[in-house]
Amino acid sequence: MKKYLALLLSMLLTVSLFAACGSSSDTSSTSDAGSADSAATEATEPATGETEENSDAAADTAAYKVAIIKQMDHASLDEIANAIAAELDAIAAENGVTIEYEITSGQGDQTILKQLGDQAIADGVDAIVPIATTAAQVAATCAEDSQTPVVYAAISDPENAGLTGISYVTGTSDALNTDFIMDMIFAQNPDAARIGLLYSLSEANSTAAIASAKAYLDEKGVAYTERTANTNDEVVAAATALIADGVDAIFTPTDNTIMAAELAIYESLAEAGIPHYTGADSFVRNGAFATCGVNYTDLGYRTADLAYEAMTEGMDGLDDYYLMDGGIITVNTETAALLGADYAVFADMGELVEVTTTED
């Protein structure tokens, strides 16, 4: 009996030991699986963390809104607007920010310009970039209460336009060297006896340049005839009148009204043997004879740089305006051929650029 009990106890102890070993093995296996799951979780956490950081970085990316408002549609203002847009894109890429912009046109109408300016303020833009004098004047008025930065482009006479001394306004000036263009007229034709002055009374851009032209011609003792116009039809009529007046050459400053009608008058002037000297190369690309002025693509780039500076650093460090360098003489070779005009003399006066007529 005692032997039987001893045998039974021995068997129970053996079973107990196997059970204990089996339990230990299962626990160890479960623990290892848990460690593997934990390791897998730890391996994925950094990726999740990076995604969240990238998401946060995207959410924290600085974003700016800009309203680009052209006074009207024509080659000069289109060139400037396109350059501003291109430079804003480049700035955004370089600085890792977002810059949204919209290009609109006031179509030469102050009421439309006012609507565009008011809408820009209502949309909460960070800067308004008006192109040309009237657009800038209207934008400055619209932004008076909000003090939204107004960074204008291509204002020939900012002071005369009332755009200086305003804390939230700055921009670029394409002021003409009128005397130099007058020099070009007489370098090409020393015998010119009467000069036509063609401009718009509604363009502040033209005021100072026309006054300078008159002073130059008065000092030289050369007669001049003035013709003004405020619409395309009036520009055509004024050009026709200057042909009848028998002028030897015509001068127009950076006048948007005349520029918008250049394609309608250049052939008549050339066929009459009258070279049209103007304030911007866009006139020349639309058929005028010659100019000496600024590069409007460069002016657009500079304006965009100023707008970004105004939005990111404020207006305190900015000047009233920035005068762009000129010195580029542009000649339309097709118009020169129609006129039978030799423009070789201009090569000694500055950098000479030859272009042909385009309709954009």
Protein backbone atom coordinates (compact mmCIF):
# COMPACT_ATOMS: atom_id res chain seq x y z
CA MET A 1 0.00 0.00 0.00
CA LYS A 2 2.76 2.34 0.98
CA LYS A 3 4.53 1.51 -2.26
CA TYR A 4 1.36 2.28 -4.19
CA LEU A 5 0.94 5.67 -2.53
CA ALA A 6 4.55 6.56 -3.14
CA LEU A 7 4.19 5.66 -6.81
CA LEU A 8 1.00 7.72 -7.09
CA LEU A 9 2.61 10.78 -5.50
CA SER A 10 5.61 10.41 -7.77
CA MET A 11 3.36 10.36 -10.86
CA LEU A 12 1.39 13.43 -9.68
CA LEU A 13 4.62 15.36 -9.09
CA THR A 14 5.85 14.53 -12.59
CA VAL A 15 2.58 15.71 -14.18
CA SER A 16 2.75 18.89 -12.13
CA LEU A 17 6.26 19.59 -13.29
CA PHE A 18 5.31 19.07 -16.99
CA ALA A 19 2.35 21.39 -16.51
CA ALA A 20 4.58 24.02 -14.97
CA CYS A 21 7.10 23.77 -17.82
CA GLY A 22 4.31 23.96 -20.40
CA SER A 23 2.90 27.09 -18.75
CA SER A 24 6.32 28.71 -18.66
CA SER A 25 6.81 27.99 -22.36
CA ASP A 26 3.44 29.51 -23.34
CA THR A 27 4.10 32.64 -21.28
CA SER A 28 7.50 33.07 -22.85
CA SER A 29 6.02 32.69 -26.33
CA THR A 30 3.30 35.19 -25.59
CA SER A 31 5.84 37.60 -24.18
CA ASP A 32 7.99 37.31 -27.30
CA ALA A 33 4.97 37.92 -29.54
CA GLY A 34 4.09 40.92 -27.43
CA SER A 35 7.64 42.20 -27.79
CA ALA A 36 7.44 41.75 -31.55
CA ASP A 37 4.15 43.64 -31.68
CA SER A 38 5.65 46.34 -29.51
CA ALA A 39 8.72 46.55 -31.72
CA ALA A 40 6.48 46.79 -34.79
CA THR A 41 4.54 49.60 -33.12
CA GLU A 42 7.74 51.39 -32.19
CA ALA A 43 8.98 50.99 -35.77
CA THR A 44 5.88 52.65 -37.18
CA GLU A 45 5.65 55.46 -34.61
CA PRO A 46 8.52 57.53 -36.01
CA ALA A 47 6.91 57.48 -39.48
CA THR A 48 3.59 58.53 -37.94
CA GLY A 49 5.39 61.24 -36.03
CA GLU A 50 7.11 62.50 -39.19
CA THR A 51 3.79 62.60 -41.04
CA GLU A 52 2.28 64.64 -38.25
CA GLU A 53 5.27 66.97 -38.27
CA ASN A 54 5.01 67.40 -42.05
CA SER A 55 1.31 68.04 -41.68
CA ASP A 56 2.00 70.61 -38.98
CA ALA A 57 4.70 72.20 -41.15
CA ALA A 58 2.28 72.42 -44.07
CA ALA A 59 -0.31 73.97 -41.79
CA ASP A 60 2.28 76.46 -40.51
CA THR A 61 3.50 77.50 -44.00
CA ALA A 62 3.09 81.26 -44.38
CA ALA A 63 0.45 82.22 -46.92
CA TYR A 64 -0.11 85.60 -48.57
CA LYS A 65 -2.75 87.00 -50.90
CA VAL A 66 -1.98 89.69 -53.47
CA ALA A 67 -4.32 91.64 -55.75
CA ILE A 68 -2.62 92.74 -59.00
CA ILE A 69 -4.77 95.43 -60.62
CA LYS A 70 -3.96 96.75 -64.09
CA GLN A 71 -5.34 100.14 -65.05
CA MET A 72 -6.25 98.72 -68.45
CA ASP A 73 -5.17 96.06 -70.91
CA HIS A 74 -2.23 96.91 -73.16
CA ALA A 75 1.24 95.63 -73.88
CA SER A 76 3.17 97.57 -71.23
CA LEU A 77 0.82 96.82 -68.36
CA ASP A 78 0.44 93.19 -69.44
CA GLU A 79 4.23 92.78 -69.50
CA ILE A 80 4.53 94.25 -66.01
CA ALA A 81 1.68 92.12 -64.60
CA ASN A 82 3.17 88.93 -66.03
CA ALA A 83 6.58 89.78 -64.61
CA ILE A 84 5.10 90.47 -61.16
CA ALA A 85 3.28 87.12 -61.22
CA ALA A 86 6.40 85.24 -62.33
CA GLU A 87 8.51 86.82 -59.60
CA LEU A 88 5.91 86.10 -56.91
CA ASP A 89 5.98 82.46 -57.99
CA ALA A 90 9.77 82.45 -57.75
CA ILE A 91 9.72 84.11 -54.32
CA ALA A 92 7.21 81.56 -53.03
CA ALA A 93 9.32 78.65 -54.22
CA GLU A 94 12.54 80.11 -52.85
CA ASN A 95 11.13 80.93 -49.41
CA GLY A 96 8.83 77.95 -48.94
CA VAL A 97 5.71 80.07 -48.65
CA THR A 98 2.39 80.26 -50.47
CA ILE A 99 1.53 83.39 -52.45
CA GLU A 100 -1.88 83.54 -54.08
CA TYR A 101 -2.56 86.32 -56.56
CA GLU A 102 -5.17 87.40 -59.05
CA ILE A 103 -4.61 89.71 -62.02
CA THR A 104 -7.55 91.96 -62.92
CA SER A 105 -8.07 94.97 -65.20
CA GLY A 106 -9.93 98.20 -64.55
CA GLN A 107 -10.44 98.60 -68.31
CA GLY A 108 -9.53 102.27 -68.01
CA ASP A 109 -12.61 102.94 -65.89
CA GLN A 110 -12.20 104.48 -62.42
CA THR A 111 -15.48 102.97 -61.25
CA ILE A 112 -14.25 99.48 -62.08
CA LEU A 113 -10.89 100.22 -60.47
CA LYS A 114 -12.69 101.28 -57.29
CA GLN A 115 -14.75 98.08 -57.30
CA LEU A 116 -11.61 95.98 -57.72
CA GLY A 117 -9.82 97.84 -54.93
CA ASP A 118 -12.75 97.56 -52.53
CA GLN A 119 -13.08 93.85 -53.31
CA ALA A 120 -9.39 93.29 -52.62
CA ILE A 121 -9.75 94.91 -49.20
CA ALA A 122 -12.90 92.88 -48.48
CA ASP A 123 -11.01 89.70 -49.45
CA GLY A 124 -8.36 90.52 -46.88
CA VAL A 125 -5.41 90.64 -49.26
CA ASP A 126 -1.98 91.25 -47.78
CA ALA A 127 -0.99 93.69 -50.52
CA ILE A 128 -2.46 95.46 -53.53
CA VAL A 129 -0.20 95.92 -56.55
CA PRO A 130 -1.78 98.48 -58.89
CA ILE A 131 -0.18 99.08 -62.28
CA ALA A 132 -0.22 102.65 -63.67
CA THR A 133 -1.08 105.96 -62.06
CA THR A 134 -4.87 106.03 -61.87
CA ALA A 135 -4.97 102.44 -60.63
CA ALA A 136 -2.47 103.35 -57.90
CA GLN A 137 -4.39 106.47 -56.86
CA VAL A 138 -7.63 104.51 -56.56
CA ALA A 139 -5.96 101.64 -54.68
CA ALA A 140 -4.41 104.06 -52.18
CA THR A 141 -7.86 105.49 -51.47
CA CYS A 142 -9.41 102.03 -51.05
CA ALA A 143 -6.68 100.98 -48.59
CA GLU A 144 -6.77 104.15 -46.48
CA ASP A 145 -8.79 102.68 -43.60
CA SER A 146 -7.24 99.20 -43.57
CA GLN A 147 -3.68 100.48 -44.22
CA THR A 148 -3.17 97.48 -46.50
CA PRO A 149 0.20 97.86 -48.27
CA VAL A 150 -0.15 99.35 -51.75
CA VAL A 151 2.93 98.65 -53.89
CA TYR A 152 2.42 100.27 -57.28
CA ALA A 153 4.23 99.72 -60.56
CA ALA A 154 5.23 102.11 -63.34
CA ILE A 155 4.31 105.55 -62.00
CA SER A 156 6.23 108.15 -63.96
CA ASP A 157 5.73 110.98 -61.47
CA PRO A 158 4.71 109.66 -58.03
CA GLU A 159 4.96 113.06 -56.38
CA ASN A 160 2.74 114.83 -58.90
CA ALA A 161 0.31 111.89 -58.67
CA GLY A 162 -0.04 112.43 -54.91
CA LEU A 163 1.48 109.04 -54.06
CA THR A 164 4.33 110.16 -51.81
CA GLY A 165 4.31 110.69 -48.06
CA ILE A 166 1.74 107.91 -47.48
CA SER A 167 2.87 105.38 -44.87
CA TYR A 168 1.27 102.35 -46.55
CA VAL A 169 2.21 103.22 -50.16
CA THR A 170 5.42 102.60 -52.11
CA GLY A 171 6.36 101.29 -55.56
CA THR A 172 8.43 101.63 -58.69
CA SER A 173 8.76 104.64 -60.97
CA ASP A 174 9.48 104.58 -64.70
CA ALA A 175 10.19 108.32 -64.87
CA LEU A 176 11.39 109.33 -68.32
CA ASN A 177 14.57 111.10 -69.27
CA THR A 178 12.62 113.36 -71.62
CA ASP A 179 15.66 115.41 -72.63
CA PHE A 180 17.41 112.25 -73.81
CA ILE A 181 14.49 111.29 -76.06
CA MET A 182 14.49 114.83 -77.44
CA ASP A 183 18.19 114.40 -78.13
CA MET A 184 17.35 111.21 -80.05
CA ILE A 185 14.88 113.12 -82.25
CA PHE A 186 17.49 115.66 -83.29
CA ALA A 187 20.30 113.12 -83.56
CA GLN A 188 18.25 111.28 -86.16
CA ASN A 189 16.96 114.43 -87.87
CA PRO A 190 18.95 117.59 -87.07
CA ASP A 191 16.66 119.63 -89.34
CA ALA A 192 13.40 118.84 -87.48
CA ALA A 193 11.56 122.16 -87.29
CA ARG A 194 8.23 121.25 -85.65
CA ILE A 195 7.55 118.54 -83.09
CA GLY A 196 4.14 117.10 -82.31
CA LEU A 197 3.24 116.39 -78.69
CA LEU A 198 0.57 113.69 -78.45
CA TYR A 199 -0.80 112.79 -75.01
CA SER A 200 -3.86 112.50 -72.81
CA LEU A 201 -4.94 115.20 -70.37
CA SER A 202 -6.29 112.48 -68.08
CA GLU A 203 -2.87 110.87 -67.61
CA ALA A 204 -0.84 112.21 -64.69
CA ASN A 205 2.08 110.25 -66.17
CA SER A 206 2.26 112.73 -69.02
CA THR A 207 2.22 116.04 -67.14
CA ALA A 208 5.86 116.35 -66.11
CA ALA A 209 7.25 114.77 -69.30
CA ILE A 210 5.29 117.10 -71.58
CA ALA A 211 6.39 120.11 -69.50
CA SER A 212 10.00 118.96 -69.87
CA ALA A 213 9.60 118.49 -73.63
CA LYS A 214 8.19 122.01 -74.03
CA ALA A 215 11.04 123.48 -71.99
CA TYR A 216 13.60 121.63 -74.11
CA LEU A 217 12.03 122.76 -77.39
CA ASP A 218 11.60 126.34 -76.19
CA GLU A 219 15.29 126.49 -75.25
CA LYS A 220 16.22 125.05 -78.64
CA GLY A 221 13.89 127.44 -80.45
CA VAL A 222 11.91 124.64 -82.12
CA ALA A 223 8.16 124.97 -82.64
CA TYR A 224 5.73 122.35 -81.34
CA THR A 225 2.09 121.46 -81.77
CA GLU A 226 0.04 119.80 -79.02
CA ARG A 227 -2.78 117.34 -79.62
CA THR A 228 -4.58 115.60 -76.79
CA ALA A 229 -6.98 112.67 -76.66
CA ASN A 230 -8.85 110.60 -74.08
CA THR A 231 -10.30 107.75 -76.15
CA ASN A 232 -9.05 105.53 -78.98
CA ASP A 233 -11.08 107.43 -81.55
CA GLU A 234 -9.73 110.73 -80.27
CA VAL A 235 -6.17 109.39 -80.49
CA VAL A 236 -6.70 108.48 -84.13
CA ALA A 237 -8.17 111.92 -84.82
CA ALA A 238 -5.30 113.65 -83.00
CA ALA A 239 -2.68 111.68 -84.96
CA THR A 240 -4.43 112.57 -88.22
CA ALA A 241 -4.39 116.23 -87.20
CA LEU A 242 -0.66 116.11 -86.45
CA ILE A 243 -0.04 114.66 -89.92
CA ALA A 244 -1.99 117.57 -91.37
CA ASP A 245 0.00 119.97 -89.19
CA GLY A 246 3.16 118.85 -90.97
CA VAL A 247 5.15 117.92 -87.87
CA ASP A 248 8.58 116.34 -88.38
CA ALA A 249 8.34 113.96 -85.41
CA ILE A 250 5.94 113.16 -82.58
CA PHE A 251 6.70 112.63 -78.89
CA THR A 252 4.43 110.76 -76.46
CA PRO A 253 5.41 110.02 -72.81
CA THR A 254 4.41 106.85 -70.94
CA ASP A 255 0.77 107.64 -71.63
CA ASN A 256 -1.56 104.66 -71.26
CA THR A 257 -4.34 106.19 -73.36
CA ILE A 258 -2.08 106.72 -76.36
CA MET A 259 -0.39 103.34 -75.84
CA ALA A 260 -3.74 101.56 -76.03
CA ALA A 261 -4.30 103.06 -79.49
CA GLU A 262 -0.77 102.75 -80.92
CA LEU A 263 -1.68 99.88 -83.23
CA ALA A 264 -4.36 102.08 -84.79
CA ILE A 265 -2.05 104.99 -85.65
CA TYR A 266 1.48 103.74 -86.28
CA GLU A 267 1.03 102.86 -89.96
CA SER A 268 -0.52 106.22 -90.85
CA LEU A 269 2.32 108.07 -89.11
CA ALA A 270 5.01 105.93 -90.77
CA GLU A 271 3.45 106.29 -94.21
CA ALA A 272 3.42 110.06 -93.68
CA GLY A 273 7.14 109.94 -92.86
CA ILE A 274 6.64 110.96 -89.21
CA PRO A 275 8.64 109.03 -86.61
CA HIS A 276 6.81 108.49 -83.31
CA TYR A 277 9.11 108.66 -80.27
CA THR A 278 7.56 107.30 -77.11
CA GLY A 279 8.08 106.66 -73.41
CA ALA A 280 8.13 102.85 -73.37
CA ASP A 281 9.27 99.94 -75.49
CA SER A 282 5.72 98.54 -75.58
CA PHE A 283 4.76 101.42 -77.89
CA VAL A 284 7.64 100.47 -80.16
CA ARG A 285 6.60 96.82 -80.20
CA ASN A 286 3.18 98.06 -81.32
CA GLY A 287 4.63 100.09 -84.20
CA ALA A 288 6.09 103.34 -82.83
CA PHE A 289 9.57 104.20 -84.10
CA ALA A 290 11.83 104.48 -81.04
CA THR A 291 12.16 105.04 -77.32
CA CYS A 292 14.65 105.14 -74.50
CA GLY A 293 13.29 103.87 -71.23
CA VAL A 294 13.14 101.16 -68.60
CA ASN A 295 12.80 97.42 -69.06
CA TYR A 296 9.26 96.68 -67.88
CA THR A 297 10.00 93.05 -67.08
CA ASP A 298 12.74 94.16 -64.68
CA LEU A 299 10.37 96.76 -63.25
CA GLY A 300 7.77 94.04 -62.62
CA TYR A 301 10.33 91.87 -60.83
CA ARG A 302 11.39 94.77 -58.60
CA THR A 303 7.78 95.59 -57.79
CA ALA A 304 7.09 92.00 -56.73
CA ASP A 305 10.17 92.02 -54.50
CA LEU A 306 8.92 95.20 -52.83
CA ALA A 307 5.46 93.69 -52.32
CA TYR A 308 6.93 90.64 -50.58
CA GLU A 309 9.10 92.86 -48.39
CA ALA A 310 6.08 94.97 -47.47
CA MET A 311 4.06 91.88 -46.54
CA THR A 312 6.77 90.17 -44.52
CA GLU A 313 8.75 93.02 -42.97
CA GLY A 314 6.33 95.94 -43.01
CA MET A 315 6.49 99.33 -44.69
CA ASP A 316 8.71 101.20 -42.23
CA GLY A 317 11.98 100.49 -44.03
CA LEU A 318 10.70 101.29 -47.53
CA ASP A 319 11.16 104.54 -49.45
CA ASP A 320 8.34 106.54 -51.01
CA TYR A 321 9.26 105.00 -54.36
CA TYR A 322 12.13 103.43 -56.30
CA LEU A 323 13.29 104.86 -59.62
CA MET A 324 14.16 102.22 -62.20
CA ASP A 325 17.21 102.65 -64.39
CA GLY A 326 16.59 103.40 -68.07
CA GLY A 327 19.12 103.72 -70.82
CA ILE A 328 17.76 101.06 -73.18
CA ILE A 329 17.07 102.37 -76.70
CA THR A 330 14.48 100.31 -78.55
CA VAL A 331 13.85 100.72 -82.30
CA ASN A 332 11.19 99.10 -84.47
CA THR A 333 13.08 98.01 -87.58
CA GLU A 334 9.92 97.52 -89.67
CA THR A 335 8.74 101.04 -88.91
CA ALA A 336 12.22 102.37 -89.60
CA ALA A 337 12.06 100.73 -93.05
CA LEU A 338 8.64 102.33 -93.75
CA LEU A 339 10.04 105.70 -92.71
CA GLY A 340 13.29 105.23 -94.61
CA ALA A 341 14.94 106.31 -91.35
CA ASP A 342 18.56 105.57 -90.47
CA TYR A 343 18.77 104.77 -86.77
CA ALA A 344 22.46 103.83 -86.71
CA VAL A 345 23.18 107.05 -84.81
CA PHE A 346 21.40 105.64 -81.75
CA ALA A 347 24.04 102.94 -81.36
CA ASP A 348 26.43 105.57 -80.00
CA MET A 349 23.88 106.82 -77.47
CA GLY A 350 23.20 103.68 -75.46
CA GLU A 351 22.28 100.01 -75.55
CA LEU A 352 20.32 99.44 -78.76
CA VAL A 353 17.57 96.84 -79.00
CA GLU A 354 15.86 96.08 -82.33
CA VAL A 355 12.26 94.81 -82.37
CA THR A 356 9.45 94.25 -84.87
CA THR A 357 5.75 94.96 -84.59
CA THR A 358 3.57 92.63 -82.57
CA GLU A 359 -0.08 92.92 -81.64
CA ASP A 360 0.12 91.95 -77.96
